[in-house]
C-alpha atoms as a PDB file:
ATOM      1  CA  MET A   1     -21.008  29.257 -24.730  1.00  0.00           C
ATOM      2  CA  LYS A   2     -22.650  27.990 -27.892  1.00  0.00           C
ATOM      3  CA  ILE A   3     -22.023  24.580 -29.375  1.00  0.00           C
ATOM      4  CA  PRO A   4     -18.955  24.829 -31.607  1.00  0.00           C
ATOM      5  CA  LYS A   5     -19.967  24.847 -35.260  1.00  0.00           C
ATOM      6  CA  TYR A   6     -18.994  21.805 -37.322  1.00  0.00           C
ATOM      7  CA  ARG A   7     -16.854  23.229 -40.122  1.00  0.00           C
ATOM      8  CA  LYS A   8     -14.986  22.052 -43.205  1.00  0.00           C
ATOM      9  CA  HIS A   9     -11.254  22.399 -43.751  1.00  0.00           C
ATOM     10  CA  SER A  10     -11.410  22.967 -47.504  1.00  0.00           C
ATOM     11  CA  THR A  11      -7.851  21.921 -48.325  1.00  0.00           C
ATOM     12  CA  HIS A  12      -7.919  18.595 -46.473  1.00  0.00           C
ATOM     13  CA  ASN A  13     -11.700  17.911 -46.615  1.00  0.00           C
ATOM     14  CA  LEU A  14     -11.835  17.308 -42.859  1.00  0.00           C
ATOM     15  CA  GLY A  15     -14.446  18.306 -40.317  1.00  0.00           C
ATOM     16  CA  PHE A  16     -13.370  20.383 -37.344  1.00  0.00           C
ATOM     17  CA  VAL A  17     -14.525  22.718 -34.609  1.00  0.00           C
ATOM     18  CA  GLU A  18     -12.749  25.672 -33.120  1.00  0.00           C
ATOM     19  CA  ILE A  19     -12.963  25.999 -29.361  1.00  0.00           C
ATOM     20  CA  ASN A  20     -10.891  28.267 -27.150  1.00  0.00           C
ATOM     21  CA  LYS A  21      -9.010  29.426 -30.262  1.00  0.00           C
ATOM     22  CA  GLU A  22      -7.841  25.854 -30.987  1.00  0.00           C
ATOM     23  CA  ARG A  23      -9.002  23.506 -33.717  1.00  0.00           C
ATOM     24  CA  LYS A  24     -10.159  19.961 -33.039  1.00  0.00           C
ATOM     25  CA  TYR A  25     -10.165  17.799 -36.188  1.00  0.00           C
ATOM     26  CA  PHE A  26     -12.346  14.722 -36.544  1.00  0.00           C
ATOM     27  CA  LYS A  27     -11.465  11.385 -38.142  1.00  0.00           C
ATOM     28  CA  GLY A  28     -12.892  10.689 -41.584  1.00  0.00           C
ATOM     29  CA  LYS A  29     -13.802  12.973 -44.431  1.00  0.00           C
ATOM     30  CA  TYR A  30     -15.949  16.053 -43.832  1.00  0.00           C
ATOM     31  CA  ASN A  31     -19.649  15.201 -43.412  1.00  0.00           C
ATOM     32  CA  SER A  32     -18.976  11.432 -43.361  1.00  0.00           C
ATOM     33  CA  HIS A  33     -20.715   9.212 -40.818  1.00  0.00           C
ATOM     34  CA  GLN A  34     -17.402   8.759 -38.975  1.00  0.00           C
ATOM     35  CA  SER A  35     -16.679  12.494 -38.805  1.00  0.00           C
ATOM     36  CA  LEU A  36     -20.211  13.386 -37.693  1.00  0.00           C
ATOM     37  CA  ALA A  37     -20.113  10.633 -35.055  1.00  0.00           C
ATOM     38  CA  GLU A  38     -16.824  12.046 -33.728  1.00  0.00           C
ATOM     39  CA  TYR A  39     -18.395  15.519 -33.635  1.00  0.00           C
ATOM     40  CA  ALA A  40     -21.448  14.209 -31.778  1.00  0.00           C
ATOM     41  CA  LYS A  41     -19.191  12.416 -29.281  1.00  0.00           C
ATOM     42  CA  PHE A  42     -17.193  15.607 -28.768  1.00  0.00           C
ATOM     43  CA  ILE A  43     -20.364  17.603 -28.075  1.00  0.00           C
ATOM     44  CA  LYS A  44     -21.610  14.930 -25.674  1.00  0.00           C
ATOM     45  CA  GLU A  45     -18.287  15.037 -23.804  1.00  0.00           C
ATOM     46  CA  LEU A  46     -18.484  18.824 -23.550  1.00  0.00           C
ATOM     47  CA  ALA A  47     -21.939  18.532 -22.018  1.00  0.00           C
ATOM     48  CA  ALA A  48     -20.838  15.713 -19.677  1.00  0.00           C
ATOM     49  CA  ASN A  49     -17.943  17.820 -18.414  1.00  0.00           C
ATOM     50  CA  ASN A  50     -20.406  20.526 -17.364  1.00  0.00           C
ATOM     51  CA  SER A  51     -19.212  22.912 -20.025  1.00  0.00           C
ATOM     52  CA  PRO A  52     -21.641  25.793 -20.395  1.00  0.00           C
ATOM     53  CA  VAL A  53     -22.776  24.543 -23.817  1.00  0.00           C
ATOM     54  CA  GLN A  54     -26.266  25.226 -25.102  1.00  0.00           C
ATOM     55  CA  THR A  55     -27.694  21.885 -26.229  1.00  0.00           C
ATOM     56  CA  ASP A  56     -30.803  23.219 -27.919  1.00  0.00           C
ATOM     57  CA  ILE A  57     -29.063  25.032 -30.776  1.00  0.00           C
ATOM     58  CA  ARG A  58     -30.411  24.125 -34.195  1.00  0.00           C
ATOM     59  CA  SER A  59     -28.256  22.618 -36.911  1.00  0.00           C
ATOM     60  CA  THR A  60     -26.547  24.928 -39.366  1.00  0.00           C
ATOM     61  CA  ARG A  61     -28.084  23.143 -42.361  1.00  0.00           C
ATOM     62  CA  GLY A  62     -31.475  24.727 -41.876  1.00  0.00           C
ATOM     63  CA  ASP A  63     -33.296  21.442 -41.240  1.00  0.00           C
ATOM     64  CA  ASP A  64     -34.123  22.408 -37.644  1.00  0.00           C
ATOM     65  CA  VAL A  65     -32.837  19.211 -36.050  1.00  0.00           C
ATOM     66  CA  PRO A  66     -31.614  20.025 -32.553  1.00  0.00           C
ATOM     67  CA  ILE A  67     -27.972  19.097 -32.030  1.00  0.00           C
ATOM     68  CA  ARG A  68     -28.899  17.099 -28.924  1.00  0.00           C
ATOM     69  CA  LEU A  69     -31.096  14.822 -31.084  1.00  0.00           C
ATOM     70  CA  LEU A  70     -28.367  14.482 -33.692  1.00  0.00           C
ATOM     71  CA  ALA A  71     -25.890  13.501 -30.990  1.00  0.00           C
ATOM     72  CA  ALA A  72     -28.344  11.005 -29.500  1.00  0.00           C
ATOM     73  CA  LYS A  73     -28.858   9.394 -32.926  1.00  0.00           C
ATOM     74  CA  PHE A  74     -25.140   8.827 -33.429  1.00  0.00           C
ATOM     75  CA  LEU A  75     -24.301   7.844 -29.863  1.00  0.00           C
ATOM     76  CA  GLY A  76     -27.374   5.722 -29.209  1.00  0.00           C
END
């Protein structure tokens, strides 16, 4: 299973992921520090729960920052 892509709900300007055909919305506006921190926490929890998530996937922005480093930055 790949890391769920951080996406934008265009009508409500919220960040979300879709996993197992369900959407998980994050607090704060899309791409805000709060929303990205919630996303990073969610990914960390998936990994901690032994979900078969690939943690070396690159970001979707094209800046080649591994998601695991992004999560570590926000979660300390």
